[in-house]
């Protein structure tokens, strides 16, 4: 529970918002890369 409160406090600051956006974007592209169909299987 304490970790959730720390994250919400972090999101109130501009640097925290930027950090959260970077982490979310990195996670999105990682998941997209993991589940991507292989284009060439050689």
Protein backbone atom coordinates (compact mmCIF):
# COMPACT_ATOMS: atom_id res chain seq x y z
CA UNK A 1 0.00 0.00 0.00
CA UNK A 2 2.85 2.37 0.78
CA UNK A 3 4.29 1.91 -2.70
CA UNK A 4 0.99 3.02 -4.27
CA UNK A 5 1.01 6.18 -2.14
CA UNK A 6 4.61 6.88 -3.17
CA UNK A 7 3.66 6.59 -6.84
CA UNK A 8 0.68 8.92 -6.48
CA UNK A 9 2.89 11.47 -4.71
CA UNK A 10 5.48 11.15 -7.51
CA UNK A 11 2.81 11.77 -10.18
CA UNK A 12 2.04 15.20 -8.66
CA UNK A 13 5.45 16.46 -9.83
CA UNK A 14 6.28 17.16 -13.50
CA UNK A 15 9.41 14.98 -13.40
CA UNK A 16 7.35 12.15 -11.92
CA UNK A 17 4.81 12.40 -14.73
CA UNK A 18 7.57 12.27 -17.34
CA UNK A 19 9.14 9.26 -15.62
CA UNK A 20 5.76 7.48 -15.51
CA UNK A 21 5.17 8.16 -19.23
CA UNK A 22 8.62 6.80 -20.12
CA UNK A 23 8.07 3.65 -18.04
CA UNK A 24 4.60 3.08 -19.53
CA UNK A 25 5.90 3.61 -23.09
CA UNK A 26 8.83 1.24 -22.50
CA UNK A 27 6.47 -1.40 -21.12
CA UNK A 28 4.09 -0.97 -24.07
CA UNK A 29 6.83 -1.37 -26.68
CA UNK A 30 8.35 -4.32 -24.79
CA UNK A 31 5.01 -6.16 -24.74
CA UNK A 32 4.43 -5.26 -28.40
CA UNK A 33 7.90 -6.62 -29.27
CA UNK A 34 7.41 -9.84 -27.27
CA UNK A 35 4.04 -10.65 -28.83
CA UNK A 36 4.97 -9.56 -32.38
CA UNK A 37 4.65 -12.12 -35.13
CA UNK A 38 8.06 -13.20 -36.39
CA UNK A 39 8.52 -11.68 -39.85
CA UNK A 40 11.24 -14.10 -40.99
CA UNK A 41 12.01 -17.50 -39.50
CA UNK A 42 15.41 -18.28 -41.01
